[in-house]
Amino acid sequence: MKKLVRDKIPEFATYASYRQLKPEEREDALKNKIVEEANEVKAAPDDQNLLEELADVYTVLEAFLDFKNISKEELLKQVKAKKAEKGGFTKFLLMNTDK
């Protein structure tokens, strides 16, 4: 299995080999990692595990923003704009397009 791991993983997971990704490989690795972490959020069995997995998603998001040179302020501006246009997720609306 090949996947992006946190910087300190090689210090204690010595059974694996590691290499630094080339710049052209990094965006796909970050996209795959955020999907992996989102799936772990979905599978979290309890609130403590959920919190840990959400922290992982946040950490990957921070790395992605840094990689793309996007500031947190720029991201939050986009969040605000989308909320103004389409709303948030506070009403928990489920859309059904089946006829």
PDB file of N, CA and C in Angstrom:
ATOM      1  N   MET A   1       0.843  -1.171   0.000  1.00  0.00           N
ATOM      2  CA  MET A   1       0.000   0.000   0.000  1.00  0.00           C
ATOM      3  C   MET A   1       0.893   1.241   0.000  1.00  0.00           C
ATOM      4  N   LYS A   2       0.527   2.207  -0.818  1.00  0.00           N
ATOM      5  CA  LYS A   2       1.253   3.471  -0.884  1.00  0.00           C
ATOM      6  C   LYS A   2       0.283   4.587  -0.538  1.00  0.00           C
ATOM      7  N   LYS A   3       0.685   5.440   0.404  1.00  0.00           N
ATOM      8  CA  LYS A   3      -0.168   6.565   0.765  1.00  0.00           C
ATOM      9  C   LYS A   3       0.669   7.651   1.418  1.00  0.00           C
ATOM     10  N   LEU A   4       0.160   8.852   1.358  1.00  0.00           N
ATOM     11  CA  LEU A   4       0.779   9.986   2.016  1.00  0.00           C
ATOM     12  C   LEU A   4       0.641   9.811   3.525  1.00  0.00           C
ATOM     13  N   VAL A   5       1.736  10.027   4.248  1.00  0.00           N
ATOM     14  CA  VAL A   5       1.706   9.898   5.708  1.00  0.00           C
ATOM     15  C   VAL A   5       2.261  11.170   6.348  1.00  0.00           C
ATOM     16  N   ARG A   6       1.945  11.317   7.627  1.00  0.00           N
ATOM     17  CA  ARG A   6       2.449  12.458   8.391  1.00  0.00           C
ATOM     18  C   ARG A   6       3.976  12.414   8.478  1.00  0.00           C
ATOM     19  N   ASP A   7       4.571  13.579   8.694  1.00  0.00           N
ATOM     20  CA  ASP A   7       6.027  13.737   8.659  1.00  0.00           C
ATOM     21  C   ASP A   7       6.786  12.867   9.657  1.00  0.00           C
ATOM     22  N   LYS A   8       6.200  12.585  10.805  1.00  0.00           N
ATOM     23  CA  LYS A   8       6.924  11.841  11.844  1.00  0.00           C
ATOM     24  C   LYS A   8       6.687  10.330  11.801  1.00  0.00           C
ATOM     25  N   ILE A   9       5.863   9.861  10.886  1.00  0.00           N
ATOM     26  CA  ILE A   9       5.568   8.424  10.796  1.00  0.00           C
ATOM     27  C   ILE A   9       6.835   7.589  10.592  1.00  0.00           C
ATOM     28  N   PRO A  10       7.781   7.997   9.736  1.00  0.00           N
ATOM     29  CA  PRO A  10       8.983   7.172   9.552  1.00  0.00           C
ATOM     30  C   PRO A  10       9.801   6.953  10.824  1.00  0.00           C
ATOM     31  N   GLU A  11       9.626   7.818  11.826  1.00  0.00           N
ATOM     32  CA  GLU A  11      10.377   7.672  13.073  1.00  0.00           C
ATOM     33  C   GLU A  11       9.971   6.424  13.852  1.00  0.00           C
ATOM     34  N   PHE A  12       8.712   5.992  13.710  1.00  0.00           N
ATOM     35  CA  PHE A  12       8.286   4.812  14.477  1.00  0.00           C
ATOM     36  C   PHE A  12       7.726   3.685  13.621  1.00  0.00           C
ATOM     37  N   ALA A  13       7.374   3.947  12.391  1.00  0.00           N
ATOM     38  CA  ALA A  13       6.923   2.881  11.491  1.00  0.00           C
ATOM     39  C   ALA A  13       8.108   2.496  10.605  1.00  0.00           C
ATOM     40  N   THR A  14       9.078   1.845  11.222  1.00  0.00           N
ATOM     41  CA  THR A  14      10.343   1.545  10.540  1.00  0.00           C
ATOM     42  C   THR A  14      10.264   0.340   9.611  1.00  0.00           C
ATOM     43  N   TYR A  15       9.135  -0.355   9.619  1.00  0.00           N
ATOM     44  CA  TYR A  15       8.961  -1.538   8.771  1.00  0.00           C
ATOM     45  C   TYR A  15       8.715  -1.179   7.307  1.00  0.00           C
ATOM     46  N   ALA A  16       8.424   0.088   7.024  1.00  0.00           N
ATOM     47  CA  ALA A  16       8.099   0.516   5.661  1.00  0.00           C
ATOM     48  C   ALA A  16       9.255   1.317   5.074  1.00  0.00           C
ATOM     49  N   SER A  17       9.209   1.496   3.764  1.00  0.00           N
ATOM     50  CA  SER A  17      10.168   2.390   3.109  1.00  0.00           C
ATOM     51  C   SER A  17       9.435   3.685   2.751  1.00  0.00           C
ATOM     52  N   TYR A  18      10.197   4.747   2.600  1.00  0.00           N
ATOM     53  CA  TYR A  18       9.618   6.069   2.357  1.00  0.00           C
ATOM     54  C   TYR A  18      10.415   6.790   1.290  1.00  0.00           C
ATOM     55  N   ARG A  19       9.741   7.674   0.575  1.00  0.00           N
ATOM     56  CA  ARG A  19      10.416   8.596  -0.335  1.00  0.00           C
ATOM     57  C   ARG A  19       9.620   9.889  -0.337  1.00  0.00           C
ATOM     58  N   GLN A  20      10.307  10.970  -0.612  1.00  0.00           N
ATOM     59  CA  GLN A  20       9.621  12.253  -0.695  1.00  0.00           C
ATOM     60  C   GLN A  20       8.991  12.366  -2.079  1.00  0.00           C
ATOM     61  N   LEU A  21       7.740  12.758  -2.105  1.00  0.00           N
ATOM     62  CA  LEU A  21       7.034  12.880  -3.376  1.00  0.00           C
ATOM     63  C   LEU A  21       7.596  14.025  -4.210  1.00  0.00           C
ATOM     64  N   LYS A  22       7.605  13.815  -5.519  1.00  0.00           N
ATOM     65  CA  LYS A  22       7.985  14.872  -6.447  1.00  0.00           C
ATOM     66  C   LYS A  22       6.870  15.918  -6.451  1.00  0.00           C
ATOM     67  N   PRO A  23       7.207  17.158  -6.767  1.00  0.00           N
ATOM     68  CA  PRO A  23       6.177  18.205  -6.771  1.00  0.00           C
ATOM     69  C   PRO A  23       4.942  17.858  -7.604  1.00  0.00           C
ATOM     70  N   GLU A  24       5.138  17.204  -8.722  1.00  0.00           N
ATOM     71  CA  GLU A  24       3.999  16.879  -9.587  1.00  0.00           C
ATOM     72  C   GLU A  24       3.126  15.746  -9.032  1.00  0.00           C
ATOM     73  N   GLU A  25       3.597  15.040  -8.021  1.00  0.00           N
ATOM     74  CA  GLU A  25       2.829  13.960  -7.395  1.00  0.00           C
ATOM     75  C   GLU A  25       2.028  14.424  -6.175  1.00  0.00           C
ATOM     76  N   ARG A  26       2.344  15.575  -5.676  1.00  0.00           N
ATOM     77  CA  ARG A  26       1.830  16.000  -4.374  1.00  0.00           C
ATOM     78  C   ARG A  26       0.345  16.332  -4.365  1.00  0.00           C
ATOM     79  N   GLU A  27      -0.143  16.987  -5.403  1.00  0.00           N
ATOM     80  CA  GLU A  27      -1.562  17.364  -5.402  1.00  0.00           C
ATOM     81  C   GLU A  27      -2.463  16.134  -5.382  1.00  0.00           C
ATOM     82  N   ASP A  28      -2.174  15.156  -6.223  1.00  0.00           N
ATOM     83  CA  ASP A  28      -2.975  13.922  -6.220  1.00  0.00           C
ATOM     84  C   ASP A  28      -2.880  13.204  -4.877  1.00  0.00           C
ATOM     85  N   ALA A  29      -1.690  13.204  -4.276  1.00  0.00           N
ATOM     86  CA  ALA A  29      -1.521  12.555  -2.975  1.00  0.00           C
ATOM     87  C   ALA A  29      -2.368  13.246  -1.912  1.00  0.00           C
ATOM     88  N   LEU A  30      -2.414  14.560  -1.940  1.00  0.00           N
ATOM     89  CA  LEU A  30      -3.243  15.300  -0.984  1.00  0.00           C
ATOM     90  C   LEU A  30      -4.729  15.049  -1.225  1.00  0.00           C
ATOM     91  N   LYS A  31      -5.130  15.002  -2.485  1.00  0.00           N
ATOM     92  CA  LYS A  31      -6.540  14.710  -2.800  1.00  0.00           C
ATOM     93  C   LYS A  31      -6.919  13.317  -2.302  1.00  0.00           C
ATOM     94  N   ASN A  32      -6.062  12.352  -2.552  1.00  0.00           N
ATOM     95  CA  ASN A  32      -6.329  10.987  -2.083  1.00  0.00           C
ATOM     96  C   ASN A  32      -6.371  10.925  -0.564  1.00  0.00           C
ATOM     97  N   LYS A  33      -5.494  11.679   0.087  1.00  0.00           N
ATOM     98  CA  LYS A  33      -5.439  11.657   1.551  1.00  0.00           C
ATOM     99  C   LYS A  33      -6.695  12.274   2.157  1.00  0.00           C
ATOM    100  N   ILE A  34      -7.196  13.340   1.565  1.00  0.00           N
ATOM    101  CA  ILE A  34      -8.395  13.961   2.129  1.00  0.00           C
ATOM    102  C   ILE A  34      -9.600  13.044   1.953  1.00  0.00           C
ATOM    103  N   VAL A  35      -9.648  12.288   0.862  1.00  0.00           N
ATOM    104  CA  VAL A  35     -10.716  11.296   0.677  1.00  0.00           C
ATOM    105  C   VAL A  35     -10.565  10.177   1.709  1.00  0.00           C
ATOM    106  N   GLU A  36      -9.343   9.701   1.904  1.00  0.00           N
ATOM    107  CA  GLU A  36      -9.085   8.658   2.916  1.00  0.00           C
ATOM    108  C   GLU A  36      -9.554   9.117   4.296  1.00  0.00           C
ATOM    109  N   GLU A  37      -9.184  10.325   4.661  1.00  0.00           N
ATOM    110  CA  GLU A  37      -9.559  10.833   5.984  1.00  0.00           C
ATOM    111  C   GLU A  37     -11.065  11.067   6.090  1.00  0.00           C
ATOM    112  N   ALA A  38     -11.698  11.521   5.010  1.00  0.00           N
ATOM    113  CA  ALA A  38     -13.160  11.697   5.024  1.00  0.00           C
ATOM    114  C   ALA A  38     -13.858  10.356   5.214  1.00  0.00           C
ATOM    115  N   ASN A  39     -13.344   9.315   4.589  1.00  0.00           N
ATOM    116  CA  ASN A  39     -13.909   7.975   4.788  1.00  0.00           C
ATOM    117  C   ASN A  39     -13.739   7.513   6.231  1.00  0.00           C
ATOM    118  N   GLU A  40     -12.638   7.886   6.860  1.00  0.00           N
ATOM    119  CA  GLU A  40     -12.431   7.535   8.262  1.00  0.00           C
ATOM    120  C   GLU A  40     -13.383   8.315   9.169  1.00  0.00           C
ATOM    121  N   VAL A  41     -13.712   9.546   8.793  1.00  0.00           N
ATOM    122  CA  VAL A  41     -14.743  10.299   9.522  1.00  0.00           C
ATOM    123  C   VAL A  41     -16.063   9.541   9.447  1.00  0.00           C
ATOM    124  N   LYS A  42     -16.406   9.106   8.246  1.00  0.00           N
ATOM    125  CA  LYS A  42     -17.667   8.380   8.046  1.00  0.00           C
ATOM    126  C   LYS A  42     -17.720   7.105   8.880  1.00  0.00           C
ATOM    127  N   ALA A  43     -16.591   6.445   9.033  1.00  0.00           N
ATOM    128  CA  ALA A  43     -16.541   5.162   9.747  1.00  0.00           C
ATOM    129  C   ALA A  43     -16.289   5.302  11.250  1.00  0.00           C
ATOM    130  N   ALA A  44     -16.105   6.509  11.738  1.00  0.00           N
ATOM    131  CA  ALA A  44     -15.777   6.703  13.156  1.00  0.00           C
ATOM    132  C   ALA A  44     -16.861   6.109  14.050  1.00  0.00           C
ATOM    133  N   PRO A  45     -16.476   5.223  14.981  1.00  0.00           N
ATOM    134  CA  PRO A  45     -17.463   4.523  15.799  1.00  0.00           C
ATOM    135  C   PRO A  45     -17.978   5.306  17.005  1.00  0.00           C
ATOM    136  N   ASP A  46     -17.249   6.365  17.387  1.00  0.00           N
ATOM    137  CA  ASP A  46     -17.679   7.117  18.570  1.00  0.00           C
ATOM    138  C   ASP A  46     -17.185   8.562  18.451  1.00  0.00           C
ATOM    139  N   ASP A  47     -17.628   9.401  19.382  1.00  0.00           N
ATOM    140  CA  ASP A  47     -17.311  10.828  19.316  1.00  0.00           C
ATOM    141  C   ASP A  47     -15.820  11.116  19.438  1.00  0.00           C
ATOM    142  N   GLN A  48     -15.099  10.367  20.264  1.00  0.00           N
ATOM    143  CA  GLN A  48     -13.659  10.601  20.411  1.00  0.00           C
ATOM    144  C   GLN A  48     -12.930  10.283  19.109  1.00  0.00           C
ATOM    145  N   ASN A  49     -13.265   9.157  18.497  1.00  0.00           N
ATOM    146  CA  ASN A  49     -12.648   8.795  17.226  1.00  0.00           C
ATOM    147  C   ASN A  49     -13.042   9.792  16.143  1.00  0.00           C
ATOM    148  N   LEU A  50     -14.287  10.231  16.170  1.00  0.00           N
ATOM    149  CA  LEU A  50     -14.752  11.236  15.207  1.00  0.00           C
ATOM    150  C   LEU A  50     -13.918  12.505  15.322  1.00  0.00           C
ATOM    151  N   LEU A  51     -13.686  12.963  16.536  1.00  0.00           N
ATOM    152  CA  LEU A  51     -12.875  14.160  16.751  1.00  0.00           C
ATOM    153  C   LEU A  51     -11.469  13.977  16.192  1.00  0.00           C
ATOM    154  N   GLU A  52     -10.873  12.826  16.434  1.00  0.00           N
ATOM    155  CA  GLU A  52      -9.532  12.541  15.918  1.00  0.00           C
ATOM    156  C   GLU A  52      -9.516  12.553  14.396  1.00  0.00           C
ATOM    157  N   GLU A  53     -10.520  11.960  13.788  1.00  0.00           N
ATOM    158  CA  GLU A  53     -10.570  11.907  12.322  1.00  0.00           C
ATOM    159  C   GLU A  53     -10.845  13.284  11.719  1.00  0.00           C
ATOM    160  N   LEU A  54     -11.695  14.067  12.371  1.00  0.00           N
ATOM    161  CA  LEU A  54     -11.929  15.438  11.903  1.00  0.00           C
ATOM    162  C   LEU A  54     -10.645  16.261  11.999  1.00  0.00           C
ATOM    163  N   ALA A  55      -9.856  16.032  13.050  1.00  0.00           N
ATOM    164  CA  ALA A  55      -8.564  16.708  13.178  1.00  0.00           C
ATOM    165  C   ALA A  55      -7.638  16.310  12.035  1.00  0.00           C
ATOM    166  N   ASP A  56      -7.689  15.049  11.630  1.00  0.00           N
ATOM    167  CA  ASP A  56      -6.879  14.599  10.492  1.00  0.00           C
ATOM    168  C   ASP A  56      -7.318  15.287   9.204  1.00  0.00           C
ATOM    169  N   VAL A  57      -8.625  15.391   8.982  1.00  0.00           N
ATOM    170  CA  VAL A  57      -9.131  16.089   7.791  1.00  0.00           C
ATOM    171  C   VAL A  57      -8.634  17.532   7.794  1.00  0.00           C
ATOM    172  N   TYR A  58      -8.734  18.180   8.948  1.00  0.00           N
ATOM    173  CA  TYR A  58      -8.303  19.571   9.076  1.00  0.00           C
ATOM    174  C   TYR A  58      -6.809  19.716   8.781  1.00  0.00           C
ATOM    175  N   THR A  59      -6.008  18.776   9.272  1.00  0.00           N
ATOM    176  CA  THR A  59      -4.565  18.822   9.048  1.00  0.00           C
ATOM    177  C   THR A  59      -4.239  18.663   7.569  1.00  0.00           C
ATOM    178  N   VAL A  60      -4.932  17.759   6.888  1.00  0.00           N
ATOM    179  CA  VAL A  60      -4.716  17.587   5.449  1.00  0.00           C
ATOM    180  C   VAL A  60      -5.172  18.840   4.706  1.00  0.00           C
ATOM    181  N   LEU A  61      -6.290  19.414   5.110  1.00  0.00           N
ATOM    182  CA  LEU A  61      -6.774  20.648   4.484  1.00  0.00           C
ATOM    183  C   LEU A  61      -5.742  21.766   4.641  1.00  0.00           C
ATOM    184  N   GLU A  62      -5.169  21.895   5.833  1.00  0.00           N
ATOM    185  CA  GLU A  62      -4.119  22.903   6.044  1.00  0.00           C
ATOM    186  C   GLU A  62      -2.930  22.664   5.114  1.00  0.00           C
ATOM    187  N   ALA A  63      -2.521  21.403   4.975  1.00  0.00           N
ATOM    188  CA  ALA A  63      -1.400  21.073   4.088  1.00  0.00           C
ATOM    189  C   ALA A  63      -1.740  21.404   2.640  1.00  0.00           C
ATOM    190  N   PHE A  64      -2.984  21.136   2.246  1.00  0.00           N
ATOM    191  CA  PHE A  64      -3.419  21.413   0.879  1.00  0.00           C
ATOM    192  C   PHE A  64      -3.426  22.919   0.614  1.00  0.00           C
ATOM    193  N   LEU A  65      -3.951  23.682   1.559  1.00  0.00           N
ATOM    194  CA  LEU A  65      -3.955  25.140   1.406  1.00  0.00           C
ATOM    195  C   LEU A  65      -2.535  25.664   1.266  1.00  0.00           C
ATOM    196  N   ASP A  66      -1.640  25.167   2.092  1.00  0.00           N
ATOM    197  CA  ASP A  66      -0.243  25.586   2.033  1.00  0.00           C
ATOM    198  C   ASP A  66       0.378  25.208   0.693  1.00  0.00           C
ATOM    199  N   PHE A  67       0.123  23.987   0.243  1.00  0.00           N
ATOM    200  CA  PHE A  67       0.659  23.519  -1.036  1.00  0.00           C
ATOM    201  C   PHE A  67       0.195  24.398  -2.194  1.00  0.00           C
ATOM    202  N   LYS A  68      -1.064  24.810  -2.160  1.00  0.00           N
ATOM    203  CA  LYS A  68      -1.635  25.625  -3.240  1.00  0.00           C
ATOM    204  C   LYS A  68      -1.469  27.129  -2.997  1.00  0.00           C
ATOM    205  N   ASN A  69      -0.770  27.483  -1.935  1.00  0.00           N
ATOM    206  CA  ASN A  69      -0.566  28.890  -1.570  1.00  0.00           C
ATOM    207  C   ASN A  69      -1.883  29.648  -1.419  1.00  0.00           C
ATOM    208  N   ILE A  70      -2.830  29.006  -0.759  1.00  0.00           N
ATOM    209  CA  ILE A  70      -4.125  29.619  -0.468  1.00  0.00           C
ATOM    210  C   ILE A  70      -4.149  29.923   1.026  1.00  0.00           C
ATOM    211  N   SER A  71      -4.422  31.164   1.367  1.00  0.00           N
ATOM    212  CA  SER A  71      -4.459  31.536   2.782  1.00  0.00           C
ATOM    213  C   SER A  71      -5.769  31.070   3.411  1.00  0.00           C
ATOM    214  N   LYS A  72      -5.739  30.905   4.725  1.00  0.00           N
ATOM    215  CA  LYS A  72      -6.969  30.556   5.442  1.00  0.00           C
ATOM    216  C   LYS A  72      -8.008  31.653   5.261  1.00  0.00           C
ATOM    217  N   GLU A  73      -7.545  32.896   5.192  1.00  0.00           N
ATOM    218  CA  GLU A  73      -8.461  34.016   4.986  1.00  0.00           C
ATOM    219  C   GLU A  73      -9.171  33.900   3.645  1.00  0.00           C
ATOM    220  N   GLU A  74      -8.422  33.516   2.606  1.00  0.00           N
ATOM    221  CA  GLU A  74      -9.007  33.336   1.274  1.00  0.00           C
ATOM    222  C   GLU A  74     -10.034  32.202   1.287  1.00  0.00           C
ATOM    223  N   LEU A  75      -9.701  31.120   1.973  1.00  0.00           N
ATOM    224  CA  LEU A  75     -10.633  30.006   2.094  1.00  0.00           C
ATOM    225  C   LEU A  75     -11.900  30.447   2.817  1.00  0.00           C
ATOM    226  N   LEU A  76     -11.745  31.138   3.938  1.00  0.00           N
ATOM    227  CA  LEU A  76     -12.907  31.573   4.715  1.00  0.00           C
ATOM    228  C   LEU A  76     -13.755  32.580   3.946  1.00  0.00           C
ATOM    229  N   LYS A  77     -13.125  33.388   3.106  1.00  0.00           N
ATOM    230  CA  LYS A  77     -13.872  34.309   2.239  1.00  0.00           C
ATOM    231  C   LYS A  77     -14.747  33.517   1.271  1.00  0.00           C
ATOM    232  N   GLN A  78     -14.194  32.438   0.724  1.00  0.00           N
ATOM    233  CA  GLN A  78     -14.961  31.580  -0.189  1.00  0.00           C
ATOM    234  C   GLN A  78     -16.082  30.869   0.551  1.00  0.00           C
ATOM    235  N   VAL A  79     -15.813  30.406   1.771  1.00  0.00           N
ATOM    236  CA  VAL A  79     -16.842  29.766   2.598  1.00  0.00           C
ATOM    237  C   VAL A  79     -17.996  30.740   2.819  1.00  0.00           C
ATOM    238  N   LYS A  80     -17.665  31.967   3.182  1.00  0.00           N
ATOM    239  CA  LYS A  80     -18.683  32.992   3.434  1.00  0.00           C
ATOM    240  C   LYS A  80     -19.504  33.267   2.179  1.00  0.00           C
ATOM    241  N   ALA A  81     -18.841  33.359   1.038  1.00  0.00           N
ATOM    242  CA  ALA A  81     -19.541  33.621  -0.223  1.00  0.00           C
ATOM    243  C   ALA A  81     -20.491  32.478  -0.574  1.00  0.00           C
ATOM    244  N   LYS A  82     -20.039  31.239  -0.409  1.00  0.00           N
ATOM    245  CA  LYS A  82     -20.909  30.095  -0.717  1.00  0.00           C
ATOM    246  C   LYS A  82     -22.085  30.023   0.238  1.00  0.00           C
ATOM    247  N   LYS A  83     -21.848  30.330   1.513  1.00  0.00           N
ATOM    248  CA  LYS A  83     -22.947  30.340   2.479  1.00  0.00           C
ATOM    249  C   LYS A  83     -23.970  31.408   2.124  1.00  0.00           C
ATOM    250  N   ALA A  84     -23.494  32.575   1.709  1.00  0.00           N
ATOM    251  CA  ALA A  84     -24.403  33.657   1.334  1.00  0.00           C
ATOM    252  C   ALA A  84     -25.230  33.271   0.115  1.00  0.00           C
ATOM    253  N   GLU A  85     -24.613  32.580  -0.829  1.00  0.00           N
ATOM    254  CA  GLU A  85     -25.298  32.196  -2.068  1.00  0.00           C
ATOM    255  C   GLU A  85     -26.218  30.994  -1.882  1.00  0.00           C
ATOM    256  N   LYS A  86     -25.719  29.952  -1.206  1.00  0.00           N
ATOM    257  CA  LYS A  86     -26.448  28.680  -1.149  1.00  0.00           C
ATOM    258  C   LYS A  86     -26.844  28.246   0.253  1.00  0.00           C
ATOM    259  N   GLY A  87     -26.374  28.967   1.263  1.00  0.00           N
ATOM    260  CA  GLY A  87     -26.677  28.592   2.642  1.00  0.00           C
ATOM    261  C   GLY A  87     -25.644  27.625   3.188  1.00  0.00           C
ATOM    262  N   GLY A  88     -25.882  27.230   4.437  1.00  0.00           N
ATOM    263  CA  GLY A  88     -24.990  26.277   5.093  1.00  0.00           C
ATOM    264  C   GLY A  88     -25.661  24.920   5.190  1.00  0.00           C
ATOM    265  N   PHE A  89     -25.367  24.225   6.249  1.00  0.00           N
ATOM    266  CA  PHE A  89     -25.939  22.896   6.476  1.00  0.00           C
ATOM    267  C   PHE A  89     -26.619  22.829   7.837  1.00  0.00           C
ATOM    268  N   THR A  90     -27.207  23.939   8.265  1.00  0.00           N
ATOM    269  CA  THR A  90     -27.811  24.006   9.595  1.00  0.00           C
ATOM    270  C   THR A  90     -29.224  23.448   9.651  1.00  0.00           C
ATOM    271  N   LYS A  91     -29.896  23.364   8.505  1.00  0.00           N
ATOM    272  CA  LYS A  91     -31.282  22.863   8.478  1.00  0.00           C
ATOM    273  C   LYS A  91     -31.352  21.358   8.225  1.00  0.00           C
ATOM    274  N   PHE A  92     -30.228  20.747   7.910  1.00  0.00           N
ATOM    275  CA  PHE A  92     -30.152  19.299   7.667  1.00  0.00           C
ATOM    276  C   PHE A  92     -31.194  18.845   6.643  1.00  0.00           C
ATOM    277  N   LEU A  93     -31.215  19.528   5.500  1.00  0.00           N
ATOM    278  CA  LEU A  93     -32.155  19.211   4.431  1.00  0.00           C
ATOM    279  C   LEU A  93     -31.624  18.059   3.589  1.00  0.00           C
ATOM    280  N   LEU A  94     -32.468  17.072   3.338  1.00  0.00           N
ATOM    281  CA  LEU A  94     -32.110  15.936   2.493  1.00  0.00           C
ATOM    282  C   LEU A  94     -32.856  16.079   1.182  1.00  0.00           C
ATOM    283  N   MET A  95     -32.118  16.187   0.073  1.00  0.00           N
ATOM    284  CA  MET A  95     -32.732  16.327  -1.239  1.00  0.00           C
ATOM    285  C   MET A  95     -32.966  14.946  -1.836  1.00  0.00           C
ATOM    286  N   ASN A  96     -34.151  14.738  -2.382  1.00  0.00           N
ATOM    287  CA  ASN A  96     -34.504  13.489  -3.045  1.00  0.00           C
ATOM    288  C   ASN A  96     -34.894  13.828  -4.473  1.00  0.00           C
ATOM    289  N   THR A  97     -34.157  13.305  -5.438  1.00  0.00           N
ATOM    290  CA  THR A  97     -34.461  13.575  -6.840  1.00  0.00           C
ATOM    291  C   THR A  97     -35.172  12.410  -7.515  1.00  0.00           C
ATOM    292  N   ASP A  98     -35.517  11.375  -6.737  1.00  0.00           N
ATOM    293  CA  ASP A  98     -36.279  10.250  -7.282  1.00  0.00           C
ATOM    294  C   ASP A  98     -37.707  10.705  -7.542  1.00  0.00           C
ATOM    295  N   LYS A  99     -38.307  10.180  -8.589  1.00  0.00           N
ATOM    296  CA  LYS A  99     -39.695  10.542  -8.910  1.00  0.00           C
ATOM    297  C   LYS A  99     -40.649   9.569  -8.276  1.00  0.00           C
TER     298      LYS A  99
END
